[in-house]
C-alpha atoms as a PDB file:
ATOM      1  CA  MET A   1     152.813 -32.068  50.106  1.00  0.00           C
ATOM      2  CA  LYS A   2     155.608 -29.511  49.851  1.00  0.00           C
ATOM      3  CA  ASN A   3     154.595 -25.855  50.027  1.00  0.00           C
ATOM      4  CA  ASN A   4     154.504 -24.015  46.723  1.00  0.00           C
ATOM      5  CA  ILE A   5     154.309 -20.362  47.703  1.00  0.00           C
ATOM      6  CA  HIS A   6     153.654 -17.672  45.098  1.00  0.00           C
ATOM      7  CA  ALA A   7     153.701 -13.921  45.688  1.00  0.00           C
ATOM      8  CA  ILE A   8     151.411 -11.673  43.688  1.00  0.00           C
ATOM      9  CA  ILE A   9     152.035  -7.940  43.472  1.00  0.00           C
ATOM     10  CA  LEU A  10     149.085  -5.888  42.222  1.00  0.00           C
ATOM     11  CA  ALA A  11     150.480  -2.806  40.484  1.00  0.00           C
ATOM     12  CA  ARG A  12     148.017  -1.044  38.226  1.00  0.00           C
ATOM     13  CA  GLY A  13     149.103   1.845  36.106  1.00  0.00           C
ATOM     14  CA  GLY A  14     146.374   4.454  36.353  1.00  0.00           C
ATOM     15  CA  SER A  15     146.772   6.008  39.780  1.00  0.00           C
ATOM     16  CA  LYS A  16     144.752   9.180  40.199  1.00  0.00           C
ATOM     17  CA  GLY A  17     146.570  10.510  43.267  1.00  0.00           C
ATOM     18  CA  ILE A  18     150.198  10.108  42.199  1.00  0.00           C
ATOM     19  CA  LYS A  19     150.815   9.592  38.484  1.00  0.00           C
ATOM     20  CA  ASN A  20     152.789   6.395  37.761  1.00  0.00           C
ATOM     21  CA  LYS A  21     153.286   5.836  41.506  1.00  0.00           C
ATOM     22  CA  ASN A  22     154.489   2.239  41.106  1.00  0.00           C
ATOM     23  CA  LEU A  23     157.364   3.504  38.944  1.00  0.00           C
ATOM     24  CA  ILE A  24     158.443   6.416  41.149  1.00  0.00           C
ATOM     25  CA  SER A  25     162.106   6.100  42.025  1.00  0.00           C
ATOM     26  CA  ILE A  26     163.146   5.388  45.608  1.00  0.00           C
ATOM     27  CA  LYS A  27     166.902   5.035  46.117  1.00  0.00           C
ATOM     28  CA  ASN A  28     167.269   4.978  42.308  1.00  0.00           C
ATOM     29  CA  LYS A  29     164.902   2.028  41.838  1.00  0.00           C
ATOM     30  CA  PRO A  30     161.214   2.058  40.879  1.00  0.00           C
ATOM     31  CA  LEU A  31     158.779   1.440  43.752  1.00  0.00           C
ATOM     32  CA  VAL A  32     157.630  -1.917  42.368  1.00  0.00           C
ATOM     33  CA  TYR A  33     161.269  -3.108  42.335  1.00  0.00           C
ATOM     34  CA  TRP A  34     161.435  -3.202  46.142  1.00  0.00           C
ATOM     35  CA  SER A  35     158.496  -5.587  46.425  1.00  0.00           C
ATOM     36  CA  ILE A  36     159.941  -7.818  43.709  1.00  0.00           C
ATOM     37  CA  LYS A  37     163.376  -7.772  45.340  1.00  0.00           C
ATOM     38  CA  HIS A  38     162.091  -8.654  48.816  1.00  0.00           C
ATOM     39  CA  SER A  39     159.847 -11.375  47.455  1.00  0.00           C
ATOM     40  CA  LYS A  40     162.587 -12.944  45.348  1.00  0.00           C
ATOM     41  CA  SER A  41     164.989 -12.805  48.321  1.00  0.00           C
ATOM     42  CA  SER A  42     162.566 -14.724  50.522  1.00  0.00           C
ATOM     43  CA  LYS A  43     163.652 -18.247  51.459  1.00  0.00           C
ATOM     44  CA  LEU A  44     160.058 -19.453  51.268  1.00  0.00           C
ATOM     45  CA  ILE A  45     158.497 -17.779  48.242  1.00  0.00           C
ATOM     46  CA  ASN A  46     158.922 -19.898  45.123  1.00  0.00           C
ATOM     47  CA  GLU A  47     157.628 -17.494  42.449  1.00  0.00           C
ATOM     48  CA  THR A  48     156.979 -13.762  42.221  1.00  0.00           C
ATOM     49  CA  TRP A  49     154.263 -12.402  39.941  1.00  0.00           C
ATOM     50  CA  VAL A  50     153.270  -8.856  39.036  1.00  0.00           C
ATOM     51  CA  SER A  51     149.722  -8.223  37.880  1.00  0.00           C
ATOM     52  CA  SER A  52     149.339  -4.997  35.918  1.00  0.00           C
ATOM     53  CA  ASP A  53     147.477  -3.363  33.074  1.00  0.00           C
ATOM     54  CA  ASP A  54     150.423  -1.066  32.381  1.00  0.00           C
ATOM     55  CA  ASN A  55     153.109  -1.978  29.819  1.00  0.00           C
ATOM     56  CA  LYS A  56     155.799   0.096  31.571  1.00  0.00           C
ATOM     57  CA  ILE A  57     155.175  -1.616  34.910  1.00  0.00           C
ATOM     58  CA  LEU A  58     155.223  -5.033  33.252  1.00  0.00           C
ATOM     59  CA  LYS A  59     158.460  -4.224  31.405  1.00  0.00           C
ATOM     60  CA  VAL A  60     160.178  -3.027  34.611  1.00  0.00           C
ATOM     61  CA  SER A  61     158.884  -6.085  36.489  1.00  0.00           C
ATOM     62  CA  GLU A  62     160.211  -8.402  33.831  1.00  0.00           C
ATOM     63  CA  LYS A  63     163.599  -6.656  34.007  1.00  0.00           C
ATOM     64  CA  TYR A  64     163.745  -7.582  37.699  1.00  0.00           C
ATOM     65  CA  LYS A  65     162.787 -11.202  36.937  1.00  0.00           C
ATOM     66  CA  ALA A  66     159.160 -11.192  38.080  1.00  0.00           C
ATOM     67  CA  LYS A  67     156.671 -13.285  36.177  1.00  0.00           C
ATOM     68  CA  LEU A  68     153.894 -11.315  34.524  1.00  0.00           C
ATOM     69  CA  ILE A  69     150.120 -11.316  34.589  1.00  0.00           C
ATOM     70  CA  ARG A  70     148.491  -8.889  32.164  1.00  0.00           C
ATOM     71  CA  ARG A  71     145.421  -7.514  33.882  1.00  0.00           C
ATOM     72  CA  PRO A  72     142.499  -6.435  31.700  1.00  0.00           C
ATOM     73  CA  LYS A  73     141.747  -2.694  31.720  1.00  0.00           C
ATOM     74  CA  ARG A  74     138.171  -3.408  32.875  1.00  0.00           C
ATOM     75  CA  ILE A  75     139.471  -4.547  36.298  1.00  0.00           C
ATOM     76  CA  ALA A  76     142.232  -1.928  36.522  1.00  0.00           C
ATOM     77  CA  THR A  77     140.226   1.245  37.049  1.00  0.00           C
ATOM     78  CA  SER A  78     140.061   3.460  40.136  1.00  0.00           C
ATOM     79  CA  LYS A  79     136.673   1.845  40.865  1.00  0.00           C
ATOM     80  CA  SER A  80     137.875  -1.751  40.451  1.00  0.00           C
ATOM     81  CA  SER A  81     138.216  -3.801  43.586  1.00  0.00           C
ATOM     82  CA  SER A  82     141.473  -5.432  44.605  1.00  0.00           C
ATOM     83  CA  GLU A  83     139.452  -8.629  44.965  1.00  0.00           C
ATOM     84  CA  SER A  84     138.679  -8.646  41.233  1.00  0.00           C
ATOM     85  CA  ALA A  85     142.407  -8.365  40.491  1.00  0.00           C
ATOM     86  CA  TRP A  86     143.210 -11.164  42.963  1.00  0.00           C
ATOM     87  CA  ILE A  87     140.588 -13.437  41.411  1.00  0.00           C
ATOM     88  CA  HIS A  88     141.920 -12.666  37.930  1.00  0.00           C
ATOM     89  CA  ALA A  89     145.511 -13.415  38.996  1.00  0.00           C
ATOM     90  CA  ILE A  90     144.601 -16.687  40.702  1.00  0.00           C
ATOM     91  CA  ASN A  91     142.494 -17.773  37.719  1.00  0.00           C
ATOM     92  CA  PHE A  92     145.444 -16.930  35.448  1.00  0.00           C
ATOM     93  CA  LEU A  93     147.702 -19.221  37.506  1.00  0.00           C
ATOM     94  CA  LYS A  94     145.093 -21.980  37.318  1.00  0.00           C
ATOM     95  CA  SER A  95     144.871 -21.533  33.528  1.00  0.00           C
ATOM     96  CA  GLN A  96     148.637 -22.108  33.369  1.00  0.00           C
ATOM     97  CA  ASN A  97     148.260 -25.269  35.473  1.00  0.00           C
ATOM     98  CA  ILE A  98     150.108 -23.567  38.345  1.00  0.00           C
ATOM     99  CA  LYS A  99     148.878 -24.733  41.727  1.00  0.00           C
ATOM    100  CA  PRO A 100     150.305 -22.753  44.626  1.00  0.00           C
ATOM    101  CA  THR A 101     149.611 -24.018  48.118  1.00  0.00           C
ATOM    102  CA  HIS A 102     149.804 -20.449  49.425  1.00  0.00           C
ATOM    103  CA  ILE A 103     149.557 -16.947  47.946  1.00  0.00           C
ATOM    104  CA  VAL A 104     151.323 -13.963  49.467  1.00  0.00           C
ATOM    105  CA  GLY A 105     149.787 -10.612  48.597  1.00  0.00           C
ATOM    106  CA  ILE A 106     152.397  -7.868  48.429  1.00  0.00           C
ATOM    107  CA  GLN A 107     151.552  -4.168  48.284  1.00  0.00           C
ATOM    108  CA  PRO A 108     154.066  -2.306  46.092  1.00  0.00           C
ATOM    109  CA  THR A 109     153.318   0.929  47.943  1.00  0.00           C
ATOM    110  CA  SER A 110     154.782  -0.442  51.195  1.00  0.00           C
ATOM    111  CA  PRO A 111     158.501  -0.813  50.377  1.00  0.00           C
ATOM    112  CA  ILE A 112     159.858  -0.584  53.915  1.00  0.00           C
ATOM    113  CA  ARG A 113     160.211  -4.274  54.702  1.00  0.00           C
ATOM    114  CA  SER A 114     162.618  -7.087  54.065  1.00  0.00           C
ATOM    115  CA  SER A 115     162.448 -10.641  52.771  1.00  0.00           C
ATOM    116  CA  LYS A 116     162.617 -11.782  56.404  1.00  0.00           C
ATOM    117  CA  ASP A 117     159.194 -10.222  56.932  1.00  0.00           C
ATOM    118  CA  PHE A 118     157.781 -12.647  54.355  1.00  0.00           C
ATOM    119  CA  ASP A 119     159.638 -15.615  55.802  1.00  0.00           C
END
């Protein structure tokens, strides 16, 4: 079976520490852009998804050609676990009959990397 590798970027909107942190500009691009860019430039990752509860983040992610997962507000609070967001995202893929062989979890707040790091 050929590998079908999907990247999922968890990027919720309601950060308490830094307002709209996933949209803060670094080198004239929003923070979430760098994770999308590196994922899409990977030779091994087949699809790049962004899971968010925030319309602005989803709109920016769509602009940079990521696929979207709308996360419910109830699992996008400061008290929500990342695991609940991962489970939601994976269940969403299953509901769309998408069956990745591997999932790569990408943190949007760690932009200093390249697509080679994923490969």
